[in-house]
């Protein structure tokens, strides 16, 4: 038997207590909502549209009640202030023009009450103005809707699809045009420039990951090469350091980036992790010569496998895992020798990629074992930029270099809130303090020998 949908409407009933402002008294009289059957209403609407109407109507009435209570509390708070004729200085003054607010519950039309405040600000000499804490002046979207727009754009929704897609979901396309997103990208460019000019004197990065990410620019022939640095602070948290436009990851481009970071107060990190093909290493040795180097195993494995036939790749990949996943440096060096003996005769280039860089491939053994999983690869950058590449596939690349940098910056900032701290974050401070680790374990100072030297 098919269940009939009962027509209904929303009425205002009951009482709620609403407190507005600091120290403001709770007010009675703000209505609550109650759903009752409406015999006069049409029963032609299906369940979905009826539910949406209930939600929107309920949101509208609750919002109107909250605005009325807010204004009433504001007027009552200054009821004792009168002019020379005994008239109140703060009174109601009708309503503003009706407008539509796009909220998570859909589009809601409201008429906001107005306040006539005749009080004079002693500092500025101008009349005071009532400002609603519920709906800011000229607001057209709730903060939740405003936040979701850039995320949808960054994760692949085309600007021309915003109106049709969100109108179906929110019931209105107001403020959701392509022009809105264009203004957002312009704001992101300003934010990216300000970010790359901030001071780094108050932060201390123990580890840094570096990489160059290439993006195709739709309206230009050259690709964008984004030079990215992500750091680990002394408390173990990850943070974007800089995002710059470079030229093919050249040494000069990285020199410009590192010199700029140093000029802004950045201290030399303890360890840098990156791809061996970068011009970064020559630049690092010039700007921060005390920083140690760790090559990315993810990139190294890919380079080695490219030198081998497909039939030999599975065995070589397993042999490489015996190196980077060894329990200590001695076992890793033994596994590296075995790899060179097995593959060096037929494929000397593949073996040389390991043996020539073995020292900087095994640097991570001199740091806490809990950090090894973070220090062996540049995965924090690679995983984050997967969303950038997704956006590029949808739009065939950004329209300009500036737009590409702004898009990548906003994605990184958005992703940064979800980054987890490294394992055993407290050990990062010990690494910065100069503690010695051997095969992942802390080496305690020889107290007896120190005592004897002091006595002598």
Protein backbone atom coordinates (compact mmCIF):
# COMPACT_ATOMS: atom_id res chain seq x y z
CA UNK A 1 0.00 0.00 0.00
CA UNK A 2 1.45 3.36 -1.01
CA UNK A 3 1.86 5.82 1.82
CA UNK A 4 0.20 9.20 1.19
CA UNK A 5 2.16 12.41 1.75
CA UNK A 6 0.31 14.68 4.15
CA UNK A 7 0.38 18.37 3.24
CA UNK A 8 1.78 20.45 6.03
CA UNK A 9 3.09 23.88 6.90
CA UNK A 10 5.31 25.37 9.52
CA UNK A 11 3.93 27.54 12.28
CA UNK A 12 5.65 29.50 14.99
CA UNK A 13 5.10 28.29 18.54
CA UNK A 14 6.71 27.97 21.96
CA UNK A 15 9.43 30.12 23.46
CA UNK A 16 13.23 30.11 23.28
CA UNK A 17 15.89 32.05 25.16
CA UNK A 18 18.39 33.96 23.01
CA UNK A 19 21.42 35.75 24.40
CA UNK A 20 22.98 38.44 22.20
CA UNK A 21 26.28 40.18 22.92
CA UNK A 22 28.59 39.96 25.89
CA UNK A 23 26.75 40.13 29.13
CA UNK A 24 23.40 40.68 27.42
CA UNK A 25 20.40 39.29 29.33
CA UNK A 26 18.55 36.28 27.94
CA UNK A 27 15.36 37.29 26.17
CA UNK A 28 12.04 35.55 26.09
CA UNK A 29 9.72 35.71 23.14
CA UNK A 30 11.76 34.30 20.23
CA UNK A 31 9.50 31.70 18.61
CA UNK A 32 10.23 28.03 17.94
CA UNK A 33 8.84 26.02 15.05
CA UNK A 34 6.08 23.46 14.89
CA UNK A 35 4.91 21.48 11.86
CA UNK A 36 1.13 21.10 11.49
CA UNK A 37 -1.07 19.68 8.79
CA UNK A 38 -2.37 22.22 6.31
CA UNK A 39 -5.65 21.15 4.71
CA UNK A 40 -5.50 24.01 2.23
CA UNK A 41 -2.04 23.11 0.98
CA UNK A 42 -1.65 21.22 -2.24
CA UNK A 43 -0.69 17.56 -1.95
CA UNK A 44 0.83 17.40 -5.41
CA UNK A 45 4.42 17.90 -4.21
CA UNK A 46 6.51 14.78 -3.88
CA UNK A 47 8.29 13.86 -0.64
CA UNK A 48 11.63 15.33 -1.71
CA UNK A 49 10.36 18.80 -2.59
CA UNK A 50 8.13 18.89 0.48
CA UNK A 51 11.10 18.08 2.69
CA UNK A 52 13.17 20.82 1.06
CA UNK A 53 10.37 23.33 1.55
CA UNK A 54 10.04 22.38 5.22
CA UNK A 55 13.77 22.84 5.76
CA UNK A 56 13.92 26.16 3.92
CA UNK A 57 10.78 27.55 5.54
CA UNK A 58 12.00 26.44 8.95
CA UNK A 59 15.38 28.05 8.35
CA UNK A 60 13.73 31.27 7.20
CA UNK A 61 11.46 31.54 10.24
CA UNK A 62 14.20 30.66 12.70
CA UNK A 63 16.55 33.16 11.08
CA UNK A 64 13.89 35.88 11.17
CA UNK A 65 13.21 35.14 14.83
CA UNK A 66 16.91 35.27 15.69
CA UNK A 67 17.36 38.59 13.89
CA UNK A 68 14.36 40.08 15.67
CA UNK A 69 15.66 38.90 19.04
CA UNK A 70 19.15 40.28 18.29
CA UNK A 71 17.77 43.72 17.44
CA UNK A 72 15.43 43.72 20.46
CA UNK A 73 18.32 42.87 22.78
CA UNK A 74 20.47 45.63 21.25
CA UNK A 75 17.72 48.26 21.69
CA UNK A 76 16.95 47.19 25.24
CA UNK A 77 20.64 47.34 26.20
CA UNK A 78 20.64 51.10 25.48
CA UNK A 79 17.07 51.89 26.54
CA UNK A 80 18.32 54.22 29.26
CA UNK A 81 20.14 56.50 26.80
CA UNK A 82 17.91 59.41 25.73
CA UNK A 83 18.35 62.84 24.16
CA UNK A 84 17.54 66.25 25.68
CA UNK A 85 13.86 65.70 24.87
CA UNK A 86 13.70 62.34 26.64
CA UNK A 87 13.53 60.34 23.43
CA UNK A 88 15.49 57.13 23.07
CA UNK A 89 18.68 57.28 21.04
CA UNK A 90 18.42 53.68 19.85
CA UNK A 91 15.13 52.62 18.26
CA UNK A 92 13.74 50.32 15.56
CA UNK A 93 13.53 51.69 12.03
CA UNK A 94 11.56 49.24 9.89
CA UNK A 95 13.30 46.66 7.68
CA UNK A 96 16.02 46.51 5.07
CA UNK A 97 15.07 45.45 1.56
CA UNK A 98 14.42 41.77 1.18
CA UNK A 99 17.44 39.74 0.02
CA UNK A 100 18.38 36.13 -0.52
CA UNK A 101 21.03 34.31 1.52
CA UNK A 102 22.50 31.05 0.20
CA UNK A 103 22.99 28.65 3.10
CA UNK A 104 23.75 24.96 3.50
CA UNK A 105 19.97 24.46 3.89
CA UNK A 106 19.32 26.19 0.56
CA UNK A 107 18.39 29.70 -0.53
CA UNK A 108 16.57 31.65 2.20
CA UNK A 109 14.86 35.03 1.63
CA UNK A 110 14.99 37.38 4.62
CA UNK A 111 14.05 40.92 5.61
CA UNK A 112 16.55 42.12 8.16
CA UNK A 113 15.26 44.60 10.80
CA UNK A 114 16.91 48.02 10.84
CA UNK A 115 18.10 50.01 13.83
CA UNK A 116 18.28 53.80 14.11
CA UNK A 117 21.22 54.46 16.44
CA UNK A 118 21.70 58.20 17.09
CA UNK A 119 24.56 57.82 19.57
CA UNK A 120 27.87 59.50 18.69
CA UNK A 121 31.20 57.68 18.94
CA UNK A 122 33.46 59.81 21.15
CA UNK A 123 36.63 58.65 19.36
CA UNK A 124 35.62 59.09 15.71
CA UNK A 125 32.89 61.65 16.16
CA UNK A 126 30.60 59.63 13.88
CA UNK A 127 27.27 57.97 14.58
CA UNK A 128 27.38 54.44 15.87
CA UNK A 129 25.95 51.70 13.69
CA UNK A 130 24.33 48.42 14.60
CA UNK A 131 26.12 45.42 13.04
CA UNK A 132 24.42 42.04 13.11
CA UNK A 133 26.59 39.17 14.34
CA UNK A 134 24.28 36.70 12.59
CA UNK A 135 24.33 38.11 9.06
CA UNK A 136 27.15 40.53 8.17
CA UNK A 137 26.37 43.50 5.98
CA UNK A 138 25.97 42.64 2.29
CA UNK A 139 26.43 38.91 2.96
CA UNK A 140 24.99 36.73 0.21
CA UNK A 141 26.42 33.35 1.25
CA UNK A 142 26.93 31.62 4.58
CA UNK A 143 30.58 30.98 5.55
CA UNK A 144 30.14 27.23 4.87
CA UNK A 145 28.99 27.88 1.30
CA UNK A 146 31.75 30.45 0.75
CA UNK A 147 34.36 27.91 1.87
CA UNK A 148 33.09 25.11 -0.36
CA UNK A 149 33.30 27.15 -3.58
CA UNK A 150 37.11 27.26 -3.83
CA UNK A 151 37.34 23.60 -2.80
CA UNK A 152 34.96 22.51 -5.56
CA UNK A 153 36.90 24.57 -8.07
CA UNK A 154 40.26 23.26 -6.92
CA UNK A 155 39.08 19.66 -7.03
CA UNK A 156 37.92 19.81 -10.64
CA UNK A 157 34.52 21.51 -11.01
CA UNK A 158 34.58 23.84 -14.01
CA UNK A 159 33.60 27.47 -13.44
CA UNK A 160 30.79 27.19 -16.00
CA UNK A 161 29.30 24.26 -14.05
CA UNK A 162 28.98 26.07 -10.72
CA UNK A 163 25.60 27.67 -11.43
CA UNK A 164 23.75 24.58 -12.73
CA UNK A 165 25.31 22.18 -10.22
CA UNK A 166 24.83 24.21 -7.05
CA UNK A 167 21.44 25.62 -8.07
CA UNK A 168 20.08 22.09 -8.03
CA UNK A 169 21.57 21.50 -4.61
CA UNK A 170 21.00 24.85 -2.90
CA UNK A 171 17.90 26.03 -4.73
CA UNK A 172 19.53 29.21 -6.00
CA UNK A 173 22.44 30.24 -8.20
CA UNK A 174 22.92 33.67 -6.63
CA UNK A 175 26.60 34.45 -6.10
CA UNK A 176 27.72 31.20 -7.73
CA UNK A 177 28.70 32.46 -11.17
CA UNK A 178 31.97 31.96 -13.02
CA UNK A 179 32.81 35.59 -12.27
CA UNK A 180 32.77 34.75 -8.55
CA UNK A 181 35.43 32.09 -9.06
CA UNK A 182 37.47 34.43 -11.24
CA UNK A 183 37.53 36.94 -8.39
CA UNK A 184 38.59 34.16 -6.03
CA UNK A 185 41.58 33.21 -8.19
CA UNK A 186 42.64 36.85 -8.23
CA UNK A 187 42.48 36.93 -4.43
CA UNK A 188 44.51 33.72 -4.24
CA UNK A 189 47.29 35.31 -6.27
CA UNK A 190 47.48 38.16 -3.77
CA UNK A 191 47.51 35.64 -0.89
CA UNK A 192 50.32 33.64 -2.52
CA UNK A 193 52.45 36.76 -2.95
CA UNK A 194 51.90 37.77 0.68
CA UNK A 195 52.72 34.23 1.83
CA UNK A 196 56.07 34.25 0.02
CA UNK A 197 56.98 37.57 1.65
CA UNK A 198 56.26 36.62 5.27
CA UNK A 199 59.02 36.46 7.88
CA UNK A 200 60.57 33.07 8.68
CA UNK A 201 62.56 34.27 11.67
CA UNK A 202 60.11 32.86 14.23
CA UNK A 203 59.96 29.30 12.86
CA UNK A 204 62.57 26.55 12.94
CA UNK A 205 62.48 23.76 10.36
CA UNK A 206 64.33 20.57 11.28
CA UNK A 207 63.59 18.63 8.07
CA UNK A 208 62.58 19.96 4.65
CA UNK A 209 61.20 18.17 1.59
CA UNK A 210 61.87 19.79 -1.77
CA UNK A 211 60.61 19.04 -5.25
CA UNK A 212 59.84 20.64 -8.57
CA UNK A 213 56.31 20.15 -9.91
CA UNK A 214 55.60 20.83 -13.59
CA UNK A 215 52.20 22.09 -14.73
CA UNK A 216 51.10 22.78 -18.28
CA UNK A 217 49.88 26.33 -18.93
CA UNK A 218 46.91 26.35 -21.32
CA UNK A 219 47.55 29.77 -22.88
CA UNK A 220 51.36 29.64 -22.99
CA UNK A 221 53.95 27.37 -24.57
CA UNK A 222 56.16 26.85 -21.51
CA UNK A 223 55.23 24.78 -18.49
CA UNK A 224 55.07 26.13 -14.96
CA UNK A 225 57.80 24.68 -12.74
CA UNK A 226 56.68 25.05 -9.14
CA UNK A 227 59.55 24.89 -6.63
CA UNK A 228 58.04 23.56 -3.42
CA UNK A 229 59.48 23.34 0.09
CA UNK A 230 57.61 21.70 2.95
CA UNK A 231 59.18 21.67 6.40
CA UNK A 232 58.90 19.91 9.74
CA UNK A 233 58.99 22.26 12.70
CA UNK A 234 60.70 21.46 15.99
CA UNK A 235 57.34 20.35 17.42
CA UNK A 236 56.90 17.75 14.65
CA UNK A 237 54.21 19.54 12.63
CA UNK A 238 54.45 19.89 8.85
CA UNK A 239 54.16 23.26 7.17
CA UNK A 240 54.46 24.78 3.72
CA UNK A 241 57.59 26.94 3.59
CA UNK A 242 57.51 28.39 0.10
CA UNK A 243 56.01 27.90 -3.35
CA UNK A 244 57.85 29.68 -6.16
CA UNK A 245 57.88 29.81 -9.94
CA UNK A 246 61.22 28.46 -11.21
CA UNK A 247 62.82 27.54 -14.51
CA UNK A 248 63.25 23.79 -15.02
CA UNK A 249 64.48 23.20 -11.45
CA UNK A 250 67.78 24.88 -12.29
CA UNK A 251 70.45 25.66 -9.73
CA UNK A 252 69.92 29.38 -10.23
CA UNK A 253 66.17 29.08 -9.60
CA UNK A 254 66.79 27.17 -6.36
CA UNK A 255 69.48 29.67 -5.36
CA UNK A 256 66.91 32.45 -5.67
CA UNK A 257 64.44 30.51 -3.51
CA UNK A 258 66.93 29.57 -0.78
CA UNK A 259 68.51 33.01 -0.64
CA UNK A 260 65.08 34.56 -0.30
CA UNK A 261 64.19 32.18 2.55
CA UNK A 262 67.48 32.96 4.31
CA UNK A 263 66.93 36.70 3.83
CA UNK A 264 63.54 36.34 5.50
CA UNK A 265 65.15 34.71 8.54
CA UNK A 266 65.04 30.99 7.80
CA UNK A 267 67.57 28.92 9.75
CA UNK A 268 69.47 26.09 8.03
CA UNK A 269 67.50 22.82 8.33
CA UNK A 270 69.21 19.72 9.70
CA UNK A 271 68.27 17.49 6.75
CA UNK A 272 66.86 18.08 3.26
CA UNK A 273 65.08 15.36 1.27
CA UNK A 274 64.72 15.57 -2.50
CA UNK A 275 65.22 14.05 -5.92
CA UNK A 276 68.80 13.53 -7.08
CA UNK A 277 68.16 15.26 -10.41
CA UNK A 278 67.42 18.62 -8.83
CA UNK A 279 69.66 21.65 -9.17
CA UNK A 280 68.64 22.11 -5.54
CA UNK A 281 71.69 20.34 -4.10
CA UNK A 282 74.26 22.72 -5.59
CA UNK A 283 72.19 25.65 -4.36
CA UNK A 284 71.81 24.10 -0.89
CA UNK A 285 75.59 23.62 -0.52
CA UNK A 286 76.09 27.31 -1.25
CA UNK A 287 73.32 28.79 0.91
CA UNK A 288 73.05 26.21 3.75
CA UNK A 289 76.28 24.15 3.59
CA UNK A 290 75.72 22.61 7.04
CA UNK A 291 72.45 20.91 5.98
CA UNK A 292 72.79 17.19 5.28
CA UNK A 293 71.32 15.52 2.17
CA UNK A 294 68.93 12.59 1.74
CA UNK A 295 67.93 11.39 -1.74
CA UNK A 296 64.34 10.35 -2.34
CA UNK A 297 64.02 6.58 -2.68
CA UNK A 298 60.78 6.86 -4.61
CA UNK A 299 62.47 8.75 -7.41
CA UNK A 300 65.62 6.62 -7.21
CA UNK A 301 63.69 3.36 -7.63
CA UNK A 302 61.87 4.78 -10.66
CA UNK A 303 65.19 5.83 -12.22
CA UNK A 304 66.77 2.42 -11.64
CA UNK A 305 63.80 0.51 -13.07
CA UNK A 306 63.88 2.70 -16.19
CA UNK A 307 67.34 1.27 -16.91
CA UNK A 308 66.12 -2.33 -16.74
CA UNK A 309 63.98 -4.47 -19.04
CA UNK A 310 60.47 -5.21 -17.79
CA UNK A 311 61.33 -8.85 -17.13
CA UNK A 312 64.03 -7.84 -14.64
CA UNK A 313 62.06 -5.09 -12.90
CA UNK A 314 60.10 -7.17 -10.35
CA UNK A 315 63.27 -8.83 -9.02
CA UNK A 316 65.18 -5.55 -9.00
CA UNK A 317 62.38 -3.82 -7.11
CA UNK A 318 62.45 -6.51 -4.42
CA UNK A 319 66.26 -6.25 -4.21
CA UNK A 320 66.03 -2.46 -3.80
CA UNK A 321 63.51 -2.91 -0.99
CA UNK A 322 66.14 -4.98 0.83
CA UNK A 323 68.33 -1.88 0.82
CA UNK A 324 65.99 0.93 1.88
CA UNK A 325 64.01 -1.31 4.24
CA UNK A 326 67.04 -2.86 5.97
CA UNK A 327 67.14 -2.83 9.76
CA UNK A 328 70.40 -0.84 9.92
CA UNK A 329 73.08 0.72 7.74
CA UNK A 330 75.32 -2.38 7.71
CA UNK A 331 72.57 -4.60 6.33
CA UNK A 332 71.63 -1.88 3.82
CA UNK A 333 75.20 -1.66 2.53
CA UNK A 334 75.40 -5.45 2.24
CA UNK A 335 72.14 -5.50 0.26
CA UNK A 336 73.48 -2.73 -2.01
CA UNK A 337 76.60 -4.78 -2.78
CA UNK A 338 74.43 -7.78 -3.62
CA UNK A 339 72.30 -5.63 -5.93
CA UNK A 340 75.41 -4.34 -7.73
CA UNK A 341 76.81 -7.87 -8.10
CA UNK A 342 73.56 -9.25 -9.48
CA UNK A 343 72.59 -6.43 -11.86
CA UNK A 344 75.86 -4.59 -12.49
CA UNK A 345 77.21 -6.97 -15.11
CA UNK A 346 74.23 -6.75 -17.48
CA UNK A 347 72.95 -3.32 -16.55
CA UNK A 348 75.84 -1.22 -15.15
CA UNK A 349 73.88 2.06 -15.40
CA UNK A 350 71.18 0.69 -13.11
CA UNK A 351 73.72 -0.50 -10.55
CA UNK A 352 75.65 2.79 -10.70
CA UNK A 353 72.56 4.78 -9.76
CA UNK A 354 72.66 3.00 -6.39
CA UNK A 355 76.37 2.66 -5.72
CA UNK A 356 77.26 6.22 -6.74
CA UNK A 357 74.67 7.78 -4.40
CA UNK A 358 74.67 5.19 -1.62
CA UNK A 359 75.91 7.57 1.09
CA UNK A 360 73.14 10.13 0.52
CA UNK A 361 70.58 7.35 0.07
CA UNK A 362 71.32 5.98 3.54
CA UNK A 363 71.58 9.26 5.47
CA UNK A 364 68.24 8.58 7.18
CA UNK A 365 69.89 5.87 9.33
CA UNK A 366 71.53 8.69 11.32
CA UNK A 367 68.13 9.92 12.54
CA UNK A 368 65.40 8.47 14.79
CA UNK A 369 63.97 5.19 13.52
CA UNK A 370 60.46 6.60 14.03
CA UNK A 371 61.26 9.25 11.40
CA UNK A 372 62.64 6.92 8.73
CA UNK A 373 59.27 6.48 7.04
CA UNK A 374 59.12 10.27 6.56
CA UNK A 375 62.73 10.83 5.52
CA UNK A 376 63.15 8.22 2.79
CA UNK A 377 60.89 9.90 0.21
CA UNK A 378 59.31 13.21 -0.80
CA UNK A 379 55.84 11.69 -0.43
CA UNK A 380 54.38 14.70 1.48
CA UNK A 381 54.80 16.76 -1.71
CA UNK A 382 53.89 14.02 -4.19
CA UNK A 383 50.64 13.06 -2.43
CA UNK A 384 49.54 16.66 -1.99
CA UNK A 385 50.08 17.54 -5.64
CA UNK A 386 47.93 14.65 -6.81
CA UNK A 387 44.93 17.02 -6.45
CA UNK A 388 46.74 19.68 -8.48
CA UNK A 389 47.23 17.21 -11.32
CA UNK A 390 43.56 16.22 -11.06
CA UNK A 391 42.53 19.85 -11.54
CA UNK A 392 44.94 20.14 -14.48
CA UNK A 393 43.38 17.14 -16.25
CA UNK A 394 39.93 18.71 -15.98
CA UNK A 395 40.86 22.20 -17.17
CA UNK A 396 43.79 21.28 -19.48
CA UNK A 397 46.05 23.36 -17.27
CA UNK A 398 45.74 26.85 -15.73
CA UNK A 399 45.26 29.80 -18.04
CA UNK A 400 48.41 31.62 -16.90
CA UNK A 401 51.51 31.07 -14.79
CA UNK A 402 50.13 33.29 -12.03
CA UNK A 403 46.85 31.32 -11.98
CA UNK A 404 48.78 28.05 -11.80
CA UNK A 405 50.81 29.22 -8.82
CA UNK A 406 47.69 30.56 -7.08
CA UNK A 407 45.79 27.31 -7.64
CA UNK A 408 48.65 25.18 -6.30
CA UNK A 409 49.12 27.49 -3.32
CA UNK A 410 45.46 27.32 -2.33
CA UNK A 411 45.45 23.53 -2.63
CA UNK A 412 48.53 23.24 -0.44
CA UNK A 413 47.08 25.59 2.17
CA UNK A 414 43.83 23.63 2.13
CA UNK A 415 45.67 20.30 2.45
CA UNK A 416 47.95 21.63 5.17
CA UNK A 417 45.12 21.54 7.72
CA UNK A 418 44.89 17.76 7.23
CA UNK A 419 48.61 17.00 7.45
CA UNK A 420 49.56 14.82 10.37
CA UNK A 421 52.58 15.41 12.53
CA UNK A 422 55.53 13.09 12.03
CA UNK A 423 55.83 10.04 14.24
CA UNK A 424 57.42 10.65 17.64
CA UNK A 425 57.27 14.43 17.15
CA UNK A 426 59.17 15.09 20.38
CA UNK A 427 62.32 13.64 18.80
CA UNK A 428 62.44 16.46 16.23
CA UNK A 429 63.55 18.86 18.96
CA UNK A 430 66.34 16.45 19.95
CA UNK A 431 67.51 16.28 16.34
CA UNK A 432 67.63 20.07 16.18
CA UNK A 433 69.54 20.15 19.48
CA UNK A 434 72.27 18.00 17.95
CA UNK A 435 71.52 14.62 19.54
CA UNK A 436 73.37 11.71 17.94
CA UNK A 437 71.46 8.75 16.52
CA UNK A 438 73.00 5.55 15.18
CA UNK A 439 70.84 3.16 13.18
CA UNK A 440 67.78 4.97 14.53
CA UNK A 441 68.66 4.79 18.22
CA UNK A 442 69.73 7.65 20.45
CA UNK A 443 73.40 7.45 21.46
CA UNK A 444 73.74 8.47 25.09
CA UNK A 445 76.83 10.55 25.98
CA UNK A 446 79.59 8.69 27.82
CA UNK A 447 79.19 10.29 31.22
CA UNK A 448 82.01 8.37 32.86
CA UNK A 449 84.58 9.47 30.28
CA UNK A 450 83.38 13.07 30.57
CA UNK A 451 83.71 12.95 34.36
CA UNK A 452 87.25 11.62 34.16
CA UNK A 453 88.25 14.34 31.71
CA UNK A 454 86.87 17.00 34.04
CA UNK A 455 88.81 15.57 37.01
CA UNK A 456 92.04 15.49 34.99
